[in-house]
C-alpha atoms as a PDB file:
ATOM      1  CA  MET A   1      15.829 -67.253 -30.831  1.00  0.00           C
ATOM      2  CA  GLY A   2      12.573 -69.085 -31.328  1.00  0.00           C
ATOM      3  CA  ALA A   3       9.187 -67.531 -32.404  1.00  0.00           C
ATOM      4  CA  PHE A   4       8.160 -67.221 -28.572  1.00  0.00           C
ATOM      5  CA  GLU A   5      11.023 -65.321 -27.561  1.00  0.00           C
ATOM      6  CA  LEU A   6      10.661 -63.047 -30.673  1.00  0.00           C
ATOM      7  CA  ALA A   7       6.935 -62.582 -29.526  1.00  0.00           C
ATOM      8  CA  LEU A   8       8.087 -61.650 -25.869  1.00  0.00           C
ATOM      9  CA  VAL A   9      10.772 -59.018 -27.391  1.00  0.00           C
ATOM     10  CA  ALA A  10       8.171 -57.756 -29.334  1.00  0.00           C
ATOM     11  CA  LEU A  11       5.668 -57.320 -26.595  1.00  0.00           C
ATOM     12  CA  ASN A  12       8.166 -55.764 -24.363  1.00  0.00           C
ATOM     13  CA  LEU A  13       9.157 -53.170 -26.981  1.00  0.00           C
ATOM     14  CA  LEU A  14       5.268 -52.641 -27.343  1.00  0.00           C
ATOM     15  CA  ILE A  15       4.703 -51.964 -23.658  1.00  0.00           C
ATOM     16  CA  ALA A  16       7.689 -49.908 -23.304  1.00  0.00           C
ATOM     17  CA  THR A  17       6.802 -47.660 -26.349  1.00  0.00           C
ATOM     18  CA  ILE A  18       3.298 -47.264 -24.599  1.00  0.00           C
ATOM     19  CA  TYR A  19       5.160 -46.595 -21.105  1.00  0.00           C
ATOM     20  CA  ALA A  20       7.315 -43.738 -23.192  1.00  0.00           C
ATOM     21  CA  ALA A  21       3.892 -42.158 -24.756  1.00  0.00           C
ATOM     22  CA  ILE A  22       2.458 -42.223 -21.518  1.00  0.00           C
ATOM     23  CA  LEU A  23       5.224 -40.470 -19.843  1.00  0.00           C
ATOM     24  CA  TRP A  24       5.526 -37.951 -22.798  1.00  0.00           C
ATOM     25  CA  VAL A  25       1.729 -37.176 -22.462  1.00  0.00           C
ATOM     26  CA  MET A  26       2.277 -36.803 -18.571  1.00  0.00           C
ATOM     27  CA  VAL A  27       5.146 -34.230 -19.128  1.00  0.00           C
ATOM     28  CA  GLN A  28       3.115 -32.256 -21.906  1.00  0.00           C
ATOM     29  CA  GLN A  29       0.269 -32.184 -19.407  1.00  0.00           C
ATOM     30  CA  ARG A  30       2.510 -30.780 -16.417  1.00  0.00           C
ATOM     31  CA  ARG A  31       3.939 -27.921 -18.927  1.00  0.00           C
ATOM     32  CA  ILE A  32       0.353 -27.191 -19.375  1.00  0.00           C
ATOM     33  CA  MET A  33      -0.376 -27.187 -15.839  1.00  0.00           C
ATOM     34  CA  ASP A  34       2.458 -25.069 -14.815  1.00  0.00           C
ATOM     35  CA  GLU A  35       1.437 -22.418 -17.602  1.00  0.00           C
ATOM     36  CA  GLN A  36      -2.059 -22.328 -16.438  1.00  0.00           C
ATOM     37  CA  LEU A  37      -0.858 -22.016 -13.032  1.00  0.00           C
ATOM     38  CA  LYS A  38       1.570 -18.997 -13.585  1.00  0.00           C
ATOM     39  CA  ALA A  39      -1.391 -17.373 -15.609  1.00  0.00           C
ATOM     40  CA  MET A  40      -3.784 -17.906 -12.168  1.00  0.00           C
ATOM     41  CA  GLN A  41      -1.075 -16.350 -10.014  1.00  0.00           C
ATOM     42  CA  SER A  42      -0.922 -13.235 -12.147  1.00  0.00           C
ATOM     43  CA  GLN A  43      -4.453 -12.813 -12.067  1.00  0.00           C
ATOM     44  CA  LEU A  44      -4.324 -13.610  -8.371  1.00  0.00           C
ATOM     45  CA  ARG A  45      -1.564 -10.535  -7.882  1.00  0.00           C
ATOM     46  CA  GLU A  46      -3.931  -8.461 -10.304  1.00  0.00           C
ATOM     47  CA  ALA A  47      -6.833  -9.212  -8.335  1.00  0.00           C
ATOM     48  CA  GLU A  48      -5.229  -8.428  -4.785  1.00  0.00           C
ATOM     49  CA  ARG A  49      -3.961  -5.113  -6.402  1.00  0.00           C
ATOM     50  CA  THR A  50      -7.284  -4.049  -7.378  1.00  0.00           C
ATOM     51  CA  ARG A  51      -8.934  -4.909  -3.637  1.00  0.00           C
ATOM     52  CA  MET A  52      -6.402  -3.060  -2.053  1.00  0.00           C
ATOM     53  CA  ALA A  53      -6.911  -0.157  -4.324  1.00  0.00           C
ATOM     54  CA  ALA A  54     -10.537  -0.432  -3.674  1.00  0.00           C
ATOM     55  CA  ASN A  55     -10.009  -0.067   0.156  1.00  0.00           C
ATOM     56  CA  ARG A  56      -7.158   2.384   0.298  1.00  0.00           C
ATOM     57  CA  PRO A  57      -7.234   5.742   2.220  1.00  0.00           C
ATOM     58  CA  VAL A  58      -5.749   8.860   0.764  1.00  0.00           C
ATOM     59  CA  LEU A  59      -5.423  11.657   3.534  1.00  0.00           C
ATOM     60  CA  ARG A  60      -5.054  14.978   2.472  1.00  0.00           C
ATOM     61  CA  VAL A  61      -4.248  18.025   4.856  1.00  0.00           C
ATOM     62  CA  GLU A  62      -6.853  20.829   4.273  1.00  0.00           C
ATOM     63  CA  PRO A  63      -6.077  24.583   4.421  1.00  0.00           C
ATOM     64  CA  PRO A  64      -6.388  26.151   8.229  1.00  0.00           C
ATOM     65  CA  ILE A  65     -10.165  26.521   9.514  1.00  0.00           C
ATOM     66  CA  LEU A  66     -10.671  30.339   9.826  1.00  0.00           C
ATOM     67  CA  MET A  67     -11.989  31.328  13.395  1.00  0.00           C
ATOM     68  CA  PRO A  68     -14.124  34.355  12.884  1.00  0.00           C
ATOM     69  CA  ALA A  69     -13.957  37.257  14.936  1.00  0.00           C
ATOM     70  CA  ALA A  70     -11.210  35.760  16.985  1.00  0.00           C
ATOM     71  CA  PRO A  71      -8.029  37.568  17.962  1.00  0.00           C
ATOM     72  CA  PRO A  72      -4.761  36.573  16.563  1.00  0.00           C
ATOM     73  CA  THR A  73      -3.740  33.160  18.259  1.00  0.00           C
ATOM     74  CA  PRO A  74      -0.615  31.243  18.488  1.00  0.00           C
ATOM     75  CA  VAL A  75      -2.672  28.157  17.128  1.00  0.00           C
ATOM     76  CA  GLU A  76      -3.928  27.087  13.659  1.00  0.00           C
ATOM     77  CA  LEU A  77      -6.691  24.397  13.421  1.00  0.00           C
ATOM     78  CA  ARG A  78      -6.404  21.952  10.725  1.00  0.00           C
ATOM     79  CA  ARG A  79      -8.105  18.918   9.459  1.00  0.00           C
ATOM     80  CA  LEU A  80      -7.604  16.093   7.110  1.00  0.00           C
ATOM     81  CA  ARG A  81      -9.635  14.727   4.586  1.00  0.00           C
ATOM     82  CA  ASN A  82      -9.987  11.283   3.446  1.00  0.00           C
ATOM     83  CA  ILE A  83     -10.353  11.323  -0.677  1.00  0.00           C
ATOM     84  CA  GLY A  84      -9.495   7.865  -0.578  1.00  0.00           C
ATOM     85  CA  VAL A  85     -11.986   5.256  -0.809  1.00  0.00           C
ATOM     86  CA  GLY A  86     -11.090   3.140   2.664  1.00  0.00           C
ATOM     87  CA  VAL A  87     -11.585   4.024   6.328  1.00  0.00           C
ATOM     88  CA  ALA A  88      -7.778   5.700   7.341  1.00  0.00           C
ATOM     89  CA  LEU A  89      -7.049   3.786  10.715  1.00  0.00           C
ATOM     90  CA  GLU A  90      -4.359   4.287  13.355  1.00  0.00           C
ATOM     91  CA  VAL A  91      -3.741   7.742  12.346  1.00  0.00           C
ATOM     92  CA  VAL A  92      -0.739   9.743  13.771  1.00  0.00           C
ATOM     93  CA  TYR A  93       0.684  13.213  12.533  1.00  0.00           C
ATOM     94  CA  PHE A  94       4.199  14.461  12.945  1.00  0.00           C
ATOM     95  CA  LEU A  95       5.259  17.940  13.115  1.00  0.00           C
ATOM     96  CA  HIS A  96       8.702  18.215  11.926  1.00  0.00           C
ATOM     97  CA  GLU A  97      11.601  20.198  10.460  1.00  0.00           C
ATOM     98  CA  TRP A  98      11.414  19.739   6.664  1.00  0.00           C
ATOM     99  CA  GLY A  99      15.038  19.010   5.322  1.00  0.00           C
ATOM    100  CA  THR A 100      16.009  17.257   8.500  1.00  0.00           C
ATOM    101  CA  GLY A 101      13.218  15.133   9.470  1.00  0.00           C
ATOM    102  CA  VAL A 102      13.471  16.082  13.174  1.00  0.00           C
ATOM    103  CA  ILE A 103      10.305  15.683  14.901  1.00  0.00           C
ATOM    104  CA  LEU A 104       8.928  18.541  16.880  1.00  0.00           C
ATOM    105  CA  MET A 105       5.363  17.379  17.870  1.00  0.00           C
ATOM    106  CA  VAL A 106       3.664  13.972  17.563  1.00  0.00           C
ATOM    107  CA  SER A 107       0.038  13.572  18.038  1.00  0.00           C
ATOM    108  CA  GLY A 108      -2.650  10.853  17.038  1.00  0.00           C
ATOM    109  CA  LEU A 109      -6.379  11.206  15.575  1.00  0.00           C
ATOM    110  CA  ASP A 110      -9.438   8.955  15.591  1.00  0.00           C
ATOM    111  CA  PRO A 111      -9.780   6.986  12.118  1.00  0.00           C
ATOM    112  CA  VAL A 112     -11.127   9.123   9.262  1.00  0.00           C
ATOM    113  CA  GLY A 113     -13.953   7.492   6.746  1.00  0.00           C
ATOM    114  CA  ALA A 114     -13.847   7.492   3.283  1.00  0.00           C
ATOM    115  CA  GLY A 115     -14.721  11.313   2.358  1.00  0.00           C
ATOM    116  CA  GLU A 116     -14.944  12.451   5.550  1.00  0.00           C
ATOM    117  CA  PHE A 117     -12.791  14.942   7.552  1.00  0.00           C
ATOM    118  CA  SER A 118     -11.175  14.086  10.378  1.00  0.00           C
ATOM    119  CA  ARG A 119     -11.507  16.098  13.699  1.00  0.00           C
ATOM    120  CA  GLU A 120      -9.621  19.632  13.973  1.00  0.00           C
ATOM    121  CA  PHE A 121      -6.280  19.241  15.397  1.00  0.00           C
ATOM    122  CA  PHE A 122      -4.182  22.337  16.407  1.00  0.00           C
ATOM    123  CA  ILE A 123      -0.768  23.544  14.706  1.00  0.00           C
ATOM    124  CA  PRO A 124       1.025  25.523  17.164  1.00  0.00           C
ATOM    125  CA  TYR A 125       2.907  28.977  16.420  1.00  0.00           C
ATOM    126  CA  PRO A 126       2.205  28.621  12.860  1.00  0.00           C
ATOM    127  CA  GLN A 127       4.296  31.776  11.540  1.00  0.00           C
ATOM    128  CA  GLN A 128       7.408  30.365  13.578  1.00  0.00           C
ATOM    129  CA  LEU A 129       6.941  27.096  11.468  1.00  0.00           C
ATOM    130  CA  LEU A 130       6.954  28.699   8.427  1.00  0.00           C
ATOM    131  CA  ALA A 131      10.186  30.406   9.409  1.00  0.00           C
ATOM    132  CA  LEU A 132      11.594  26.774  10.542  1.00  0.00           C
ATOM    133  CA  ASP A 133      10.450  25.422   6.940  1.00  0.00           C
ATOM    134  CA  ALA A 134       8.264  22.913   8.802  1.00  0.00           C
ATOM    135  CA  ALA A 135       6.281  20.139   7.808  1.00  0.00           C
ATOM    136  CA  LEU A 136       3.474  17.866   8.632  1.00  0.00           C
ATOM    137  CA  THR A 137       3.679  13.976   8.041  1.00  0.00           C
ATOM    138  CA  VAL A 138       0.411  12.220   8.537  1.00  0.00           C
ATOM    139  CA  THR A 139       0.935   8.122   8.875  1.00  0.00           C
ATOM    140  CA  TYR A 140      -2.155   5.892   8.663  1.00  0.00           C
ATOM    141  CA  ALA A 141      -3.336   1.905   7.850  1.00  0.00           C
ATOM    142  CA  ASP A 142      -6.124   0.630   5.852  1.00  0.00           C
ATOM    143  CA  VAL A 143      -8.380  -2.137   7.026  1.00  0.00           C
ATOM    144  CA  PHE A 144      -5.848  -4.804   5.740  1.00  0.00           C
ATOM    145  CA  GLY A 145      -2.989  -3.416   7.717  1.00  0.00           C
ATOM    146  CA  ASN A 146      -0.928  -1.815   4.986  1.00  0.00           C
ATOM    147  CA  ARG A 147       0.786   1.748   6.251  1.00  0.00           C
ATOM    148  CA  TYR A 148       0.537   4.960   4.161  1.00  0.00           C
ATOM    149  CA  TRP A 149       1.702   8.438   4.549  1.00  0.00           C
ATOM    150  CA  THR A 150       1.070  12.113   3.462  1.00  0.00           C
ATOM    151  CA  LEU A 151       3.527  14.968   3.459  1.00  0.00           C
ATOM    152  CA  TYR A 152       2.783  18.261   3.449  1.00  0.00           C
ATOM    153  CA  HIS A 153       5.274  20.940   3.298  1.00  0.00           C
ATOM    154  CA  PHE A 154       3.677  24.506   5.110  1.00  0.00           C
ATOM    155  CA  LEU A 155       5.559  26.887   2.861  1.00  0.00           C
ATOM    156  CA  SER A 156       4.756  25.381  -0.457  1.00  0.00           C
ATOM    157  CA  GLN A 157       1.627  23.690   0.507  1.00  0.00           C
ATOM    158  CA  ALA A 158       2.383  20.833  -1.566  1.00  0.00           C
ATOM    159  CA  HIS A 159       1.212  17.100  -0.815  1.00  0.00           C
ATOM    160  CA  SER A 160       3.681  14.004  -1.500  1.00  0.00           C
ATOM    161  CA  PHE A 161       2.122  10.524  -0.714  1.00  0.00           C
ATOM    162  CA  GLY A 162       3.495   7.011  -0.180  1.00  0.00           C
ATOM    163  CA  GLU A 163       3.392   3.671   0.948  1.00  0.00           C
ATOM    164  CA  GLY A 164       4.953   1.930   4.273  1.00  0.00           C
ATOM    165  CA  GLU A 165       6.823   3.883   6.704  1.00  0.00           C
ATOM    166  CA  PRO A 166       7.850   7.461   5.873  1.00  0.00           C
ATOM    167  CA  PRO A 167      11.841   7.302   4.930  1.00  0.00           C
ATOM    168  CA  HIS A 168      12.215  11.394   5.718  1.00  0.00           C
ATOM    169  CA  LEU A 169      11.221  11.171   9.641  1.00  0.00           C
ATOM    170  CA  LYS A 170      14.050  10.751  11.938  1.00  0.00           C
ATOM    171  CA  ARG A 171      12.441   8.539  14.746  1.00  0.00           C
END
């Protein structure tokens, strides 16, 4: 093997070493970029949760509206209060049995702004509803189309809140 061939082999080894070093650097850069991408995706998910929370409506059932000097009627007027920070859209309320979820009545309401009350709606035969152990579920959406629900139990006057479709209703 001559000096020329030996120099050619050495040059090929040098070039192969340089390519290997470049490849190693590229693999390291890819790992760093993958880690940065994961961190940015995590930040984006957190920002999305914050954005959603900043526009989330929360509806609460208010106590009955007293009607002064009116004879007892088989109807009770109620209204909802939006205690959240976003507008509640597509508001629908369901009067149903507490344990079974069997729906007795369905009706809709106008959108309810943040900190505002809904228009009044009637609850028929409130004394019978207590005997039936009835509840009121209100479904609504935020401006992004996310669905929420509020469950109000007449007897205990307790509220429960959730996201998505209410699992306790039989539709």
